[in-house]
PDB file of all heavy atoms in Angstrom:
ATOM      1  N   GLY A   1     -22.081   8.729  -2.408  1.00  0.00           N
ATOM      2  CA  GLY A   1     -21.646   9.075  -1.060  1.00  0.00           C
ATOM      3  C   GLY A   1     -21.852   7.985  -0.029  1.00  0.00           C
ATOM      4  O   GLY A   1     -21.447   8.127   1.110  1.00  0.00           O
ATOM      5  N   ALA A   2     -22.440   6.854  -0.447  1.00  0.00           N
ATOM      6  CA  ALA A   2     -22.739   5.806   0.526  1.00  0.00           C
ATOM      7  C   ALA A   2     -21.487   5.151   1.051  1.00  0.00           C
ATOM      8  O   ALA A   2     -21.446   4.666   2.189  1.00  0.00           O
ATOM      9  CB  ALA A   2     -23.651   4.760  -0.102  1.00  0.00           C
ATOM     10  N   GLY A   3     -20.416   5.080   0.254  1.00  0.00           N
ATOM     11  CA  GLY A   3     -19.159   4.569   0.741  1.00  0.00           C
ATOM     12  C   GLY A   3     -19.102   3.058   0.820  1.00  0.00           C
ATOM     13  O   GLY A   3     -18.117   2.437   0.448  1.00  0.00           O
ATOM     14  N   ALA A   4     -20.157   2.448   1.337  1.00  0.00           N
ATOM     15  CA  ALA A   4     -20.159   1.003   1.534  1.00  0.00           C
ATOM     16  C   ALA A   4     -20.336   0.239   0.231  1.00  0.00           C
ATOM     17  O   ALA A   4     -20.082  -0.951   0.184  1.00  0.00           O
ATOM     18  CB  ALA A   4     -21.263   0.613   2.514  1.00  0.00           C
ATOM     19  N   LEU A   5     -20.813   0.900  -0.796  1.00  0.00           N
ATOM     20  CA  LEU A   5     -21.057   0.230  -2.062  1.00  0.00           C
ATOM     21  C   LEU A   5     -19.744  -0.050  -2.760  1.00  0.00           C
ATOM     22  O   LEU A   5     -18.848   0.792  -2.800  1.00  0.00           O
ATOM     23  CB  LEU A   5     -21.941   1.084  -2.972  1.00  0.00           C
ATOM     24  CG  LEU A   5     -23.395   1.281  -2.527  1.00  0.00           C
ATOM     25  CD1 LEU A   5     -24.079   2.236  -3.495  1.00  0.00           C
ATOM     26  CD2 LEU A   5     -24.151  -0.033  -2.465  1.00  0.00           C
ATOM     27  N   THR A   6     -19.646  -1.245  -3.336  1.00  0.00           N
ATOM     28  CA  THR A   6     -18.480  -1.569  -4.135  1.00  0.00           C
ATOM     29  C   THR A   6     -18.565  -0.868  -5.477  1.00  0.00           C
ATOM     30  O   THR A   6     -19.617  -0.364  -5.874  1.00  0.00           O
ATOM     31  CB  THR A   6     -18.393  -3.091  -4.387  1.00  0.00           C
ATOM     32  OG1 THR A   6     -19.482  -3.472  -5.218  1.00  0.00           O
ATOM     33  CG2 THR A   6     -18.427  -3.859  -3.089  1.00  0.00           C
ATOM     34  N   GLY A   7     -17.411  -0.838  -6.194  1.00  0.00           N
ATOM     35  CA  GLY A   7     -17.419  -0.227  -7.515  1.00  0.00           C
ATOM     36  C   GLY A   7     -18.407  -0.897  -8.445  1.00  0.00           C
ATOM     37  O   GLY A   7     -19.090  -0.240  -9.206  1.00  0.00           O
ATOM     38  N   LEU A   8     -18.502  -2.258  -8.364  1.00  0.00           N
ATOM     39  CA  LEU A   8     -19.443  -2.972  -9.224  1.00  0.00           C
ATOM     40  C   LEU A   8     -20.869  -2.602  -8.875  1.00  0.00           C
ATOM     41  O   LEU A   8     -21.703  -2.371  -9.747  1.00  0.00           O
ATOM     42  CB  LEU A   8     -19.228  -4.489  -9.080  1.00  0.00           C
ATOM     43  CG  LEU A   8     -20.198  -5.369  -9.896  1.00  0.00           C
ATOM     44  CD1 LEU A   8     -20.047  -5.061 -11.387  1.00  0.00           C
ATOM     45  CD2 LEU A   8     -19.940  -6.841  -9.620  1.00  0.00           C
ATOM     46  N   ALA A   9     -21.167  -2.504  -7.572  1.00  0.00           N
ATOM     47  CA  ALA A   9     -22.535  -2.164  -7.167  1.00  0.00           C
ATOM     48  C   ALA A   9     -22.902  -0.772  -7.646  1.00  0.00           C
ATOM     49  O   ALA A   9     -24.017  -0.536  -8.107  1.00  0.00           O
ATOM     50  CB  ALA A   9     -22.668  -2.256  -5.644  1.00  0.00           C
ATOM     51  N   ILE A  10     -21.947   0.169  -7.535  1.00  0.00           N
ATOM     52  CA  ILE A  10     -22.216   1.516  -8.018  1.00  0.00           C
ATOM     53  C   ILE A  10     -22.460   1.504  -9.522  1.00  0.00           C
ATOM     54  O   ILE A  10     -23.394   2.129 -10.029  1.00  0.00           O
ATOM     55  CB  ILE A  10     -21.058   2.463  -7.662  1.00  0.00           C
ATOM     56  CG1 ILE A  10     -20.990   2.656  -6.130  1.00  0.00           C
ATOM     57  CG2 ILE A  10     -21.217   3.803  -8.347  1.00  0.00           C
ATOM     58  CD1 ILE A  10     -19.793   3.455  -5.681  1.00  0.00           C
ATOM     59  N   ALA A  11     -21.661   0.746 -10.242  1.00  0.00           N
ATOM     60  CA  ALA A  11     -21.804   0.702 -11.701  1.00  0.00           C
ATOM     61  C   ALA A  11     -23.134   0.141 -12.104  1.00  0.00           C
ATOM     62  O   ALA A  11     -23.734   0.582 -13.093  1.00  0.00           O
ATOM     63  CB  ALA A  11     -20.665  -0.142 -12.296  1.00  0.00           C
ATOM     64  N   THR A  12     -23.638  -0.847 -11.360  1.00  0.00           N
ATOM     65  CA  THR A  12     -24.909  -1.451 -11.756  1.00  0.00           C
ATOM     66  C   THR A  12     -26.110  -0.636 -11.282  1.00  0.00           C
ATOM     67  O   THR A  12     -27.190  -0.743 -11.841  1.00  0.00           O
ATOM     68  CB  THR A  12     -25.014  -2.875 -11.168  1.00  0.00           C
ATOM     69  OG1 THR A  12     -24.848  -2.817  -9.754  1.00  0.00           O
ATOM     70  CG2 THR A  12     -23.953  -3.779 -11.774  1.00  0.00           C
ATOM     71  N   GLN A  13     -25.940   0.192 -10.249  1.00  0.00           N
ATOM     72  CA  GLN A  13     -27.068   0.933  -9.725  1.00  0.00           C
ATOM     73  C   GLN A  13     -27.171   2.351 -10.278  1.00  0.00           C
ATOM     74  O   GLN A  13     -28.244   2.934 -10.314  1.00  0.00           O
ATOM     75  CB  GLN A  13     -27.012   0.983  -8.206  1.00  0.00           C
ATOM     76  CG  GLN A  13     -27.198  -0.399  -7.553  1.00  0.00           C
ATOM     77  CD  GLN A  13     -27.321  -0.293  -6.061  1.00  0.00           C
ATOM     78  OE1 GLN A  13     -28.149   0.457  -5.546  1.00  0.00           O
ATOM     79  NE2 GLN A  13     -26.479  -1.042  -5.351  1.00  0.00           N
ATOM     80  N   LEU A  14     -26.030   2.908 -10.714  1.00  0.00           N
ATOM     81  CA  LEU A  14     -26.075   4.237 -11.279  1.00  0.00           C
ATOM     82  C   LEU A  14     -26.709   4.185 -12.659  1.00  0.00           C
ATOM     83  O   LEU A  14     -26.578   3.207 -13.383  1.00  0.00           O
ATOM     84  CB  LEU A  14     -24.670   4.826 -11.395  1.00  0.00           C
ATOM     85  CG  LEU A  14     -24.019   5.240 -10.072  1.00  0.00           C
ATOM     86  CD1 LEU A  14     -22.615   5.747 -10.362  1.00  0.00           C
ATOM     87  CD2 LEU A  14     -24.840   6.295  -9.362  1.00  0.00           C
ATOM     88  N   PRO A  15     -27.423   5.241 -13.054  1.00  0.00           N
ATOM     89  CA  PRO A  15     -28.003   5.249 -14.387  1.00  0.00           C
ATOM     90  C   PRO A  15     -26.930   5.278 -15.458  1.00  0.00           C
ATOM     91  O   PRO A  15     -25.831   5.804 -15.248  1.00  0.00           O
ATOM     92  CB  PRO A  15     -28.827   6.545 -14.393  1.00  0.00           C
ATOM     93  CG  PRO A  15     -28.194   7.416 -13.358  1.00  0.00           C
ATOM     94  CD  PRO A  15     -27.696   6.477 -12.305  1.00  0.00           C
ATOM     95  N   LYS A  16     -27.252   4.692 -16.607  1.00  0.00           N
ATOM     96  CA  LYS A  16     -26.359   4.831 -17.757  1.00  0.00           C
ATOM     97  C   LYS A  16     -26.424   6.275 -18.234  1.00  0.00           C
ATOM     98  O   LYS A  16     -27.199   7.081 -17.757  1.00  0.00           O
ATOM     99  CB  LYS A  16     -26.808   3.875 -18.854  1.00  0.00           C
ATOM    100  CG  LYS A  16     -26.655   2.406 -18.485  1.00  0.00           C
ATOM    101  CD  LYS A  16     -27.048   1.525 -19.643  1.00  0.00           C
ATOM    102  CE  LYS A  16     -26.866   0.058 -19.269  1.00  0.00           C
ATOM    103  NZ  LYS A  16     -27.232  -0.847 -20.363  1.00  0.00           N
ATOM    104  N   ARG A  17     -25.598   6.573 -19.208  1.00  0.00           N
ATOM    105  CA  ARG A  17     -25.569   7.934 -19.741  1.00  0.00           C
ATOM    106  C   ARG A  17     -26.969   8.338 -20.192  1.00  0.00           C
ATOM    107  O   ARG A  17     -27.634   7.612 -20.916  1.00  0.00           O
ATOM    108  CB  ARG A  17     -24.600   7.999 -20.923  1.00  0.00           C
ATOM    109  CG  ARG A  17     -24.491   9.396 -21.506  1.00  0.00           C
ATOM    110  CD  ARG A  17     -23.583   9.422 -22.713  1.00  0.00           C
ATOM    111  NE  ARG A  17     -23.712  10.706 -23.386  1.00  0.00           N
ATOM    112  CZ  ARG A  17     -23.646  10.852 -24.692  1.00  0.00           C
ATOM    113  NH1 ARG A  17     -23.465   9.805 -25.469  1.00  0.00           N
ATOM    114  NH2 ARG A  17     -23.759  12.053 -25.227  1.00  0.00           N
ATOM    115  N   VAL A  18     -27.410   9.490 -19.723  1.00  0.00           N
ATOM    116  CA  VAL A  18     -28.747  10.000 -20.023  1.00  0.00           C
ATOM    117  C   VAL A  18     -28.611  11.262 -20.857  1.00  0.00           C
ATOM    118  O   VAL A  18     -27.842  12.159 -20.511  1.00  0.00           O
ATOM    119  CB  VAL A  18     -29.529  10.303 -18.727  1.00  0.00           C
ATOM    120  CG1 VAL A  18     -30.874  10.915 -19.057  1.00  0.00           C
ATOM    121  CG2 VAL A  18     -29.694   9.047 -17.896  1.00  0.00           C
ATOM    122  N   VAL A  19     -29.373  11.321 -21.923  1.00  0.00           N
ATOM    123  CA  VAL A  19     -29.422  12.520 -22.756  1.00  0.00           C
ATOM    124  C   VAL A  19     -30.796  13.142 -22.555  1.00  0.00           C
ATOM    125  O   VAL A  19     -31.795  12.648 -23.051  1.00  0.00           O
ATOM    126  CB  VAL A  19     -29.172  12.193 -24.244  1.00  0.00           C
ATOM    127  CG1 VAL A  19     -29.297  13.462 -25.075  1.00  0.00           C
ATOM    128  CG2 VAL A  19     -27.808  11.566 -24.431  1.00  0.00           C
ATOM    129  N   ALA A  20     -30.830  14.205 -21.748  1.00  0.00           N
ATOM    130  CA  ALA A  20     -32.109  14.789 -21.346  1.00  0.00           C
ATOM    131  C   ALA A  20     -32.730  15.625 -22.459  1.00  0.00           C
ATOM    132  O   ALA A  20     -33.950  15.749 -22.542  1.00  0.00           O
ATOM    133  CB  ALA A  20     -31.937  15.638 -20.094  1.00  0.00           C
ATOM    134  N   GLN A  21     -31.911  16.252 -23.285  1.00  0.00           N
ATOM    135  CA  GLN A  21     -32.429  17.094 -24.368  1.00  0.00           C
ATOM    136  C   GLN A  21     -31.870  16.607 -25.711  1.00  0.00           C
ATOM    137  O   GLN A  21     -31.023  17.246 -26.315  1.00  0.00           O
ATOM    138  CB  GLN A  21     -32.042  18.553 -24.110  1.00  0.00           C
ATOM    139  CG  GLN A  21     -32.737  19.187 -22.926  1.00  0.00           C
ATOM    140  CD  GLN A  21     -34.247  19.319 -23.136  1.00  0.00           C
ATOM    141  OE1 GLN A  21     -34.697  19.543 -24.258  1.00  0.00           O
ATOM    142  NE2 GLN A  21     -35.008  19.177 -22.077  1.00  0.00           N
ATOM    143  N   PRO A  22     -32.324  15.447 -26.139  1.00  0.00           N
ATOM    144  CA  PRO A  22     -31.763  14.893 -27.375  1.00  0.00           C
ATOM    145  C   PRO A  22     -32.214  15.675 -28.608  1.00  0.00           C
ATOM    146  O   PRO A  22     -33.252  16.340 -28.603  1.00  0.00           O
ATOM    147  CB  PRO A  22     -32.345  13.477 -27.397  1.00  0.00           C
ATOM    148  CG  PRO A  22     -33.642  13.612 -26.650  1.00  0.00           C
ATOM    149  CD  PRO A  22     -33.389  14.615 -25.573  1.00  0.00           C
ATOM    150  N   LYS A  23     -31.392  15.595 -29.632  1.00  0.00           N
ATOM    151  CA  LYS A  23     -31.746  16.153 -30.933  1.00  0.00           C
ATOM    152  C   LYS A  23     -31.929  14.997 -31.917  1.00  0.00           C
ATOM    153  O   LYS A  23     -31.156  14.029 -31.895  1.00  0.00           O
ATOM    154  CB  LYS A  23     -30.676  17.115 -31.421  1.00  0.00           C
ATOM    155  CG  LYS A  23     -30.531  18.352 -30.538  1.00  0.00           C
ATOM    156  CD  LYS A  23     -29.470  19.309 -31.068  1.00  0.00           C
ATOM    157  CE  LYS A  23     -29.358  20.537 -30.175  1.00  0.00           C
ATOM    158  NZ  LYS A  23     -28.301  21.488 -30.661  1.00  0.00           N
ATOM    159  N   PHE A  24     -32.925  15.092 -32.765  1.00  0.00           N
ATOM    160  CA  PHE A  24     -33.292  13.980 -33.625  1.00  0.00           C
ATOM    161  C   PHE A  24     -33.122  14.362 -35.089  1.00  0.00           C
ATOM    162  O   PHE A  24     -33.341  15.519 -35.464  1.00  0.00           O
ATOM    163  CB  PHE A  24     -34.744  13.569 -33.374  1.00  0.00           C
ATOM    164  CG  PHE A  24     -35.012  13.161 -31.949  1.00  0.00           C
ATOM    165  CD1 PHE A  24     -35.615  14.029 -31.067  1.00  0.00           C
ATOM    166  CD2 PHE A  24     -34.644  11.907 -31.503  1.00  0.00           C
ATOM    167  CE1 PHE A  24     -35.869  13.667 -29.760  1.00  0.00           C
ATOM    168  CE2 PHE A  24     -34.885  11.524 -30.185  1.00  0.00           C
ATOM    169  CZ  PHE A  24     -35.492  12.406 -29.320  1.00  0.00           C
ATOM    170  N   SER A  25     -32.778  13.359 -35.876  1.00  0.00           N
ATOM    171  CA  SER A  25     -32.642  13.575 -37.309  1.00  0.00           C
ATOM    172  C   SER A  25     -33.991  13.717 -37.994  1.00  0.00           C
ATOM    173  O   SER A  25     -34.083  14.266 -39.097  1.00  0.00           O
ATOM    174  CB  SER A  25     -31.879  12.410 -37.943  1.00  0.00           C
ATOM    175  OG  SER A  25     -32.570  11.186 -37.710  1.00  0.00           O
ATOM    176  N   ALA A  26     -35.051  13.226 -37.335  1.00  0.00           N
ATOM    177  CA  ALA A  26     -36.417  13.295 -37.863  1.00  0.00           C
ATOM    178  C   ALA A  26     -37.377  13.134 -36.693  1.00  0.00           C
ATOM    179  O   ALA A  26     -36.942  12.921 -35.538  1.00  0.00           O
ATOM    180  CB  ALA A  26     -36.655  12.236 -38.938  1.00  0.00           C
ATOM    181  N   PHE A  27     -38.653  13.193 -36.965  1.00  0.00           N
ATOM    182  CA  PHE A  27     -39.670  13.102 -35.913  1.00  0.00           C
ATOM    183  C   PHE A  27     -39.520  11.783 -35.163  1.00  0.00           C
ATOM    184  O   PHE A  27     -39.607  10.708 -35.775  1.00  0.00           O
ATOM    185  CB  PHE A  27     -41.053  13.217 -36.535  1.00  0.00           C
ATOM    186  CG  PHE A  27     -42.190  13.294 -35.562  1.00  0.00           C
ATOM    187  CD1 PHE A  27     -42.198  14.251 -34.556  1.00  0.00           C
ATOM    188  CD2 PHE A  27     -43.258  12.406 -35.657  1.00  0.00           C
ATOM    189  CE1 PHE A  27     -43.248  14.329 -33.658  1.00  0.00           C
ATOM    190  CE2 PHE A  27     -44.325  12.485 -34.770  1.00  0.00           C
ATOM    191  CZ  PHE A  27     -44.314  13.442 -33.770  1.00  0.00           C
ATOM    192  N   PRO A  28     -39.319  11.810 -33.848  1.00  0.00           N
ATOM    193  CA  PRO A  28     -39.036  10.552 -33.123  1.00  0.00           C
ATOM    194  C   PRO A  28     -40.271   9.687 -32.891  1.00  0.00           C
ATOM    195  O   PRO A  28     -40.134   8.489 -32.613  1.00  0.00           O
ATOM    196  CB  PRO A  28     -38.462  11.044 -31.799  1.00  0.00           C
ATOM    197  CG  PRO A  28     -39.059  12.402 -31.601  1.00  0.00           C
ATOM    198  CD  PRO A  28     -39.184  12.983 -32.975  1.00  0.00           C
ATOM    199  N   PHE A  29     -41.472  10.270 -32.996  1.00  0.00           N
ATOM    200  CA  PHE A  29     -42.696   9.502 -32.743  1.00  0.00           C
ATOM    201  C   PHE A  29     -43.283   8.990 -34.065  1.00  0.00           C
ATOM    202  O   PHE A  29     -44.500   8.997 -34.259  1.00  0.00           O
ATOM    203  CB  PHE A  29     -43.718  10.357 -31.989  1.00  0.00           C
ATOM    204  CG  PHE A  29     -43.233  10.801 -30.637  1.00  0.00           C
ATOM    205  CD1 PHE A  29     -42.859  12.119 -30.416  1.00  0.00           C
ATOM    206  CD2 PHE A  29     -43.150   9.900 -29.578  1.00  0.00           C
ATOM    207  CE1 PHE A  29     -42.423  12.544 -29.172  1.00  0.00           C
ATOM    208  CE2 PHE A  29     -42.716  10.313 -28.327  1.00  0.00           C
ATOM    209  CZ  PHE A  29     -42.343  11.634 -28.129  1.00  0.00           C
ATOM    210  N   SER A  30     -42.409   8.517 -34.940  1.00  0.00           N
ATOM    211  CA  SER A  30     -42.854   8.080 -36.276  1.00  0.00           C
ATOM    212  C   SER A  30     -43.766   6.862 -36.247  1.00  0.00           C
ATOM    213  O   SER A  30     -44.482   6.605 -37.212  1.00  0.00           O
ATOM    214  CB  SER A  30     -41.623   7.766 -37.135  1.00  0.00           C
ATOM    215  OG  SER A  30     -40.872   6.698 -36.552  1.00  0.00           O
ATOM    216  N   LEU A  31     -43.750   6.121 -35.144  1.00  0.00           N
ATOM    217  CA  LEU A  31     -44.564   4.906 -35.046  1.00  0.00           C
ATOM    218  C   LEU A  31     -45.869   5.129 -34.280  1.00  0.00           C
ATOM    219  O   LEU A  31     -46.602   4.171 -34.021  1.00  0.00           O
ATOM    220  CB  LEU A  31     -43.745   3.790 -34.389  1.00  0.00           C
ATOM    221  CG  LEU A  31     -42.390   3.493 -35.051  1.00  0.00           C
ATOM    222  CD1 LEU A  31     -41.696   2.334 -34.364  1.00  0.00           C
ATOM    223  CD2 LEU A  31     -42.559   3.219 -36.540  1.00  0.00           C
ATOM    224  N   GLY A  32     -46.136   6.379 -33.937  1.00  0.00           N
ATOM    225  CA  GLY A  32     -47.408   6.692 -33.293  1.00  0.00           C
ATOM    226  C   GLY A  32     -47.424   6.395 -31.812  1.00  0.00           C
ATOM    227  O   GLY A  32     -46.377   6.234 -31.164  1.00  0.00           O
ATOM    228  N   VAL A  33     -48.616   6.319 -31.263  1.00  0.00           N
ATOM    229  CA  VAL A  33     -48.840   6.035 -29.846  1.00  0.00           C
ATOM    230  C   VAL A  33     -49.897   4.944 -29.740  1.00  0.00           C
ATOM    231  O   VAL A  33     -50.651   4.697 -30.684  1.00  0.00           O
ATOM    232  CB  VAL A  33     -49.271   7.297 -29.066  1.00  0.00           C
ATOM    233  CG1 VAL A  33     -48.194   8.367 -29.141  1.00  0.00           C
ATOM    234  CG2 VAL A  33     -50.608   7.832 -29.594  1.00  0.00           C
ATOM    235  N   ALA A  34     -49.959   4.325 -28.598  1.00  0.00           N
ATOM    236  CA  ALA A  34     -50.950   3.268 -28.381  1.00  0.00           C
ATOM    237  C   ALA A  34     -51.201   3.115 -26.906  1.00  0.00           C
ATOM    238  O   ALA A  34     -50.407   3.543 -26.061  1.00  0.00           O
ATOM    239  CB  ALA A  34     -50.466   1.943 -28.981  1.00  0.00           C
ATOM    240  N   SER A  35     -52.303   2.455 -26.578  1.00  0.00           N
ATOM    241  CA  SER A  35     -52.607   2.114 -25.191  1.00  0.00           C
ATOM    242  C   SER A  35     -53.220   0.719 -25.172  1.00  0.00           C
ATOM    243  O   SER A  35     -53.660   0.194 -26.200  1.00  0.00           O
ATOM    244  CB  SER A  35     -53.564   3.129 -24.561  1.00  0.00           C
ATOM    245  OG  SER A  35     -54.855   3.012 -25.123  1.00  0.00           O
ATOM    246  N   GLY A  36     -53.230   0.113 -23.974  1.00  0.00           N
ATOM    247  CA  GLY A  36     -53.787  -1.222 -23.902  1.00  0.00           C
ATOM    248  C   GLY A  36     -53.890  -1.733 -22.477  1.00  0.00           C
ATOM    249  O   GLY A  36     -53.585  -1.041 -21.512  1.00  0.00           O
ATOM    250  N   GLU A  37     -54.315  -2.981 -22.361  1.00  0.00           N
ATOM    251  CA  GLU A  37     -54.437  -3.687 -21.085  1.00  0.00           C
ATOM    252  C   GLU A  37     -55.238  -2.892 -20.068  1.00  0.00           C
ATOM    253  O   GLU A  37     -54.787  -2.678 -18.943  1.00  0.00           O
ATOM    254  CB  GLU A  37     -53.039  -3.994 -20.539  1.00  0.00           C
ATOM    255  CG  GLU A  37     -52.158  -4.801 -21.485  1.00  0.00           C
ATOM    256  CD  GLU A  37     -52.727  -6.175 -21.780  1.00  0.00           C
ATOM    257  OE1 GLU A  37     -52.939  -6.952 -20.841  1.00  0.00           O
ATOM    258  OE2 GLU A  37     -52.971  -6.453 -22.965  1.00  0.00           O
ATOM    259  N   PRO A  38     -56.466  -2.466 -20.397  1.00  0.00           N
ATOM    260  CA  PRO A  38     -57.208  -1.616 -19.468  1.00  0.00           C
ATOM    261  C   PRO A  38     -57.669  -2.366 -18.227  1.00  0.00           C
ATOM    262  O   PRO A  38     -58.244  -3.446 -18.296  1.00  0.00           O
ATOM    263  CB  PRO A  38     -58.414  -1.165 -20.314  1.00  0.00           C
ATOM    264  CG  PRO A  38     -58.577  -2.232 -21.348  1.00  0.00           C
ATOM    265  CD  PRO A  38     -57.207  -2.714 -21.660  1.00  0.00           C
ATOM    266  N   LEU A  39     -57.396  -1.766 -17.081  1.00  0.00           N
ATOM    267  CA  LEU A  39     -57.904  -2.176 -15.792  1.00  0.00           C
ATOM    268  C   LEU A  39     -58.792  -1.040 -15.260  1.00  0.00           C
ATOM    269  O   LEU A  39     -58.803   0.061 -15.819  1.00  0.00           O
ATOM    270  CB  LEU A  39     -56.764  -2.462 -14.822  1.00  0.00           C
ATOM    271  CG  LEU A  39     -55.795  -3.575 -15.225  1.00  0.00           C
ATOM    272  CD1 LEU A  39     -54.673  -3.695 -14.193  1.00  0.00           C
ATOM    273  CD2 LEU A  39     -56.514  -4.903 -15.393  1.00  0.00           C
TER     274      LEU A  39
END
């Protein structure tokens, strides 16, 4: 709705296609979890 944005600017600023409720062929967290760089 901003109007002033060019088509290219809108294309680069809008999110790409998002799949909010994806379905998976297998467990997606197959590589586990990790943490690091503690401050």
